[in-house]
């Protein structure tokens, strides 16, 4: 991989990371309000859903890390 291609890859990942962080910050600030006011959920349900989401992220990271170690390819999972 030449230097120009490498810089393009880094820029692409930087933009993708920025957009992902930006969108998740927006959603995370509005999500509890939506659940409680629109759907009528109580705070225990909000906490359960947030905890379940965090657990799913952790499990998927562990599984994808294990698989990437086995097949020795990281880029597929990025």
N, C-alpha and C. Protein backbone atom coordinates (compact mmCIF):
# COMPACT_ATOMS: atom_id res chain seq x y z
N UNK A 1 0.86 -1.17 0.00
CA UNK A 1 0.00 0.00 0.00
C UNK A 1 0.91 1.24 0.00
N UNK A 2 0.70 2.11 -0.97
CA UNK A 2 1.54 3.30 -1.02
C UNK A 2 1.04 4.38 -0.05
N UNK A 3 1.83 5.42 0.10
CA UNK A 3 1.53 6.45 1.10
C UNK A 3 0.24 7.20 0.80
N UNK A 4 -0.03 7.47 -0.47
CA UNK A 4 -1.24 8.19 -0.86
C UNK A 4 -2.50 7.38 -0.52
N UNK A 5 -2.44 6.10 -0.80
CA UNK A 5 -3.56 5.22 -0.49
C UNK A 5 -3.76 5.11 1.02
N UNK A 6 -2.66 5.08 1.76
CA UNK A 6 -2.71 4.99 3.21
C UNK A 6 -3.36 6.24 3.81
N UNK A 7 -3.00 7.42 3.29
CA UNK A 7 -3.60 8.66 3.78
C UNK A 7 -5.10 8.70 3.50
N UNK A 8 -5.48 8.21 2.34
CA UNK A 8 -6.91 8.18 1.98
C UNK A 8 -7.68 7.26 2.92
N UNK A 9 -7.09 6.13 3.26
CA UNK A 9 -7.73 5.19 4.18
C UNK A 9 -7.88 5.81 5.56
N UNK A 10 -6.84 6.49 6.03
CA UNK A 10 -6.89 7.13 7.35
C UNK A 10 -7.95 8.22 7.36
N UNK A 11 -8.01 9.03 6.32
CA UNK A 11 -9.04 10.08 6.24
C UNK A 11 -10.44 9.49 6.23
N UNK A 12 -10.62 8.43 5.48
CA UNK A 12 -11.93 7.78 5.42
C UNK A 12 -12.36 7.28 6.79
N UNK A 13 -11.44 6.63 7.51
CA UNK A 13 -11.77 6.15 8.85
C UNK A 13 -12.00 7.30 9.82
N UNK A 14 -11.27 8.40 9.66
CA UNK A 14 -11.45 9.56 10.53
C UNK A 14 -12.84 10.17 10.34
N UNK A 15 -13.25 10.32 9.09
CA UNK A 15 -14.59 10.87 8.81
C UNK A 15 -15.67 9.92 9.33
N UNK A 16 -15.51 8.64 9.09
CA UNK A 16 -16.49 7.67 9.56
C UNK A 16 -16.58 7.68 11.08
N UNK A 17 -15.44 7.76 11.75
CA UNK A 17 -15.43 7.79 13.21
C UNK A 17 -16.10 9.06 13.74
N UNK A 18 -15.81 10.20 13.11
CA UNK A 18 -16.43 11.45 13.52
C UNK A 18 -17.95 11.39 13.37
N UNK A 19 -18.42 10.93 12.22
CA UNK A 19 -19.87 10.86 11.99
C UNK A 19 -20.54 9.87 12.95
N UNK A 20 -19.88 8.77 13.24
CA UNK A 20 -20.44 7.80 14.18
C UNK A 20 -20.53 8.39 15.58
N UNK A 21 -19.49 9.05 16.04
CA UNK A 21 -19.51 9.68 17.36
C UNK A 21 -20.55 10.79 17.44
N UNK A 22 -20.62 11.59 16.41
CA UNK A 22 -21.57 12.69 16.37
C UNK A 22 -23.01 12.17 16.44
N UNK A 23 -23.33 11.17 15.62
CA UNK A 23 -24.70 10.65 15.61
C UNK A 23 -25.04 9.94 16.91
N UNK A 24 -24.10 9.19 17.47
CA UNK A 24 -24.40 8.50 18.73
C UNK A 24 -24.58 9.48 19.88
N UNK A 25 -23.82 10.57 19.88
CA UNK A 25 -24.01 11.59 20.93
C UNK A 25 -25.38 12.24 20.82
N UNK A 26 -25.83 12.48 19.62
CA UNK A 26 -27.17 13.07 19.43
C UNK A 26 -28.24 12.09 19.88
N UNK A 27 -28.14 10.84 19.46
CA UNK A 27 -29.15 9.84 19.81
C UNK A 27 -29.17 9.58 21.31
N UNK A 28 -27.98 9.46 21.92
CA UNK A 28 -27.92 9.16 23.35
C UNK A 28 -28.52 10.26 24.22
N UNK A 29 -28.50 11.48 23.74
CA UNK A 29 -29.09 12.55 24.55
C UNK A 29 -30.61 12.62 24.39
N UNK A 30 -31.14 12.17 23.28
CA UNK A 30 -32.58 12.25 23.02
C UNK A 30 -33.31 10.96 23.38
N UNK A 31 -32.61 9.84 23.35
CA UNK A 31 -33.20 8.52 23.54
C UNK A 31 -34.00 8.37 24.85
N UNK A 32 -33.46 8.72 26.01
CA UNK A 32 -34.24 8.57 27.25
C UNK A 32 -35.49 9.44 27.27
N UNK A 33 -35.39 10.64 26.72
CA UNK A 33 -36.54 11.52 26.64
C UNK A 33 -37.64 10.93 25.77
N UNK A 34 -37.25 10.37 24.64
CA UNK A 34 -38.22 9.72 23.75
C UNK A 34 -38.90 8.54 24.44
N UNK A 35 -38.10 7.71 25.12
CA UNK A 35 -38.67 6.53 25.79
C UNK A 35 -39.67 6.93 26.87
N UNK A 36 -39.33 7.95 27.66
CA UNK A 36 -40.20 8.30 28.79
C UNK A 36 -41.42 9.12 28.37
N UNK A 37 -41.26 10.06 27.46
CA UNK A 37 -42.39 10.93 27.11
C UNK A 37 -43.27 10.34 26.02
N UNK A 38 -42.68 9.83 24.97
CA UNK A 38 -43.47 9.32 23.84
C UNK A 38 -43.98 7.91 24.11
N UNK A 39 -43.11 7.03 24.58
CA UNK A 39 -43.50 5.64 24.80
C UNK A 39 -44.02 5.36 26.20
N UNK A 40 -43.82 6.30 27.11
CA UNK A 40 -44.34 6.15 28.47
C UNK A 40 -43.56 5.16 29.33
N UNK A 41 -42.32 4.92 29.01
CA UNK A 41 -41.52 3.98 29.79
C UNK A 41 -41.02 4.66 31.07
N UNK A 42 -40.80 3.85 32.11
CA UNK A 42 -40.21 4.41 33.33
C UNK A 42 -38.69 4.32 33.25
N UNK A 43 -38.03 4.91 34.22
CA UNK A 43 -36.57 4.99 34.18
C UNK A 43 -35.90 3.62 34.32
N UNK A 44 -36.57 2.67 34.95
CA UNK A 44 -36.01 1.32 35.05
C UNK A 44 -35.91 0.68 33.67
N UNK A 45 -36.90 0.91 32.84
CA UNK A 45 -36.89 0.37 31.47
C UNK A 45 -35.79 1.05 30.66
N UNK A 46 -35.64 2.36 30.83
CA UNK A 46 -34.58 3.09 30.14
C UNK A 46 -33.22 2.53 30.54
N UNK A 47 -33.01 2.31 31.81
CA UNK A 47 -31.75 1.74 32.28
C UNK A 47 -31.51 0.34 31.75
N UNK A 48 -32.57 -0.47 31.71
CA UNK A 48 -32.44 -1.83 31.19
C UNK A 48 -32.06 -1.82 29.72
N UNK A 49 -32.71 -0.97 28.94
CA UNK A 49 -32.43 -0.91 27.51
C UNK A 49 -31.00 -0.40 27.25
N UNK A 50 -30.58 0.60 28.00
CA UNK A 50 -29.20 1.09 27.85
C UNK A 50 -28.19 0.01 28.25
N UNK A 51 -28.46 -0.70 29.32
CA UNK A 51 -27.57 -1.78 29.74
C UNK A 51 -27.53 -2.91 28.73
N UNK A 52 -28.69 -3.24 28.18
CA UNK A 52 -28.75 -4.29 27.16
C UNK A 52 -27.96 -3.88 25.92
N UNK A 53 -28.08 -2.62 25.53
CA UNK A 53 -27.31 -2.13 24.38
C UNK A 53 -25.82 -2.21 24.61
N UNK A 54 -25.39 -1.80 25.80
CA UNK A 54 -23.96 -1.88 26.14
C UNK A 54 -23.47 -3.32 26.16
N UNK A 55 -24.30 -4.22 26.66
CA UNK A 55 -23.92 -5.63 26.70
C UNK A 55 -23.79 -6.20 25.28
N UNK A 56 -24.71 -5.83 24.41
CA UNK A 56 -24.64 -6.31 23.02
C UNK A 56 -23.38 -5.79 22.32
N UNK A 57 -23.03 -4.55 22.57
CA UNK A 57 -21.80 -4.00 21.98
C UNK A 57 -20.59 -4.77 22.49
N UNK A 58 -20.54 -5.02 23.78
CA UNK A 58 -19.39 -5.74 24.35
C UNK A 58 -19.27 -7.15 23.80
N UNK A 59 -20.38 -7.85 23.72
CA UNK A 59 -20.37 -9.22 23.20
C UNK A 59 -19.98 -9.23 21.73
N UNK A 60 -20.52 -8.30 20.94
CA UNK A 60 -20.18 -8.29 19.51
C UNK A 60 -18.71 -7.93 19.30
N UNK A 61 -18.15 -7.05 20.13
CA UNK A 61 -16.72 -6.73 20.02
C UNK A 61 -15.87 -7.95 20.36
N UNK A 62 -16.26 -8.68 21.38
CA UNK A 62 -15.50 -9.86 21.77
C UNK A 62 -15.56 -10.93 20.69
N UNK A 63 -16.74 -11.16 20.14
CA UNK A 63 -16.90 -12.18 19.10
C UNK A 63 -16.15 -11.79 17.83
N UNK A 64 -16.30 -10.54 17.41
CA UNK A 64 -15.61 -10.12 16.19
C UNK A 64 -14.09 -10.11 16.38
N UNK A 65 -13.61 -9.78 17.57
CA UNK A 65 -12.19 -9.84 17.86
C UNK A 65 -11.66 -11.26 17.80
N UNK A 66 -12.43 -12.18 18.36
CA UNK A 66 -12.04 -13.59 18.33
C UNK A 66 -11.99 -14.10 16.89
N UNK A 67 -13.01 -13.76 16.10
CA UNK A 67 -13.05 -14.23 14.71
C UNK A 67 -11.92 -13.60 13.90
N UNK A 68 -11.66 -12.31 14.11
CA UNK A 68 -10.57 -11.66 13.36
C UNK A 68 -9.22 -12.26 13.73
N UNK A 69 -9.05 -12.68 14.98
CA UNK A 69 -7.81 -13.35 15.36
C UNK A 69 -7.68 -14.70 14.66
N UNK A 70 -8.78 -15.41 14.54
CA UNK A 70 -8.75 -16.73 13.91
C UNK A 70 -8.47 -16.64 12.42
N UNK A 71 -9.12 -15.69 11.73
CA UNK A 71 -8.93 -15.61 10.27
C UNK A 71 -7.78 -14.67 9.89
N UNK A 72 -7.20 -13.98 10.88
CA UNK A 72 -6.06 -13.08 10.69
C UNK A 72 -6.34 -11.97 9.68
N UNK A 73 -7.57 -11.45 9.72
CA UNK A 73 -7.94 -10.32 8.86
C UNK A 73 -8.71 -9.32 9.71
N UNK A 74 -8.19 -8.12 9.85
CA UNK A 74 -8.80 -7.11 10.69
C UNK A 74 -9.71 -6.17 9.89
N UNK A 75 -9.31 -5.88 8.67
CA UNK A 75 -9.99 -4.87 7.87
C UNK A 75 -11.46 -5.19 7.65
N UNK A 76 -11.79 -6.46 7.56
CA UNK A 76 -13.17 -6.89 7.33
C UNK A 76 -14.08 -6.38 8.45
N UNK A 77 -13.58 -6.36 9.67
CA UNK A 77 -14.40 -6.01 10.81
C UNK A 77 -14.41 -4.51 11.10
N UNK A 78 -13.47 -3.80 10.54
CA UNK A 78 -13.42 -2.36 10.74
C UNK A 78 -14.51 -1.73 9.91
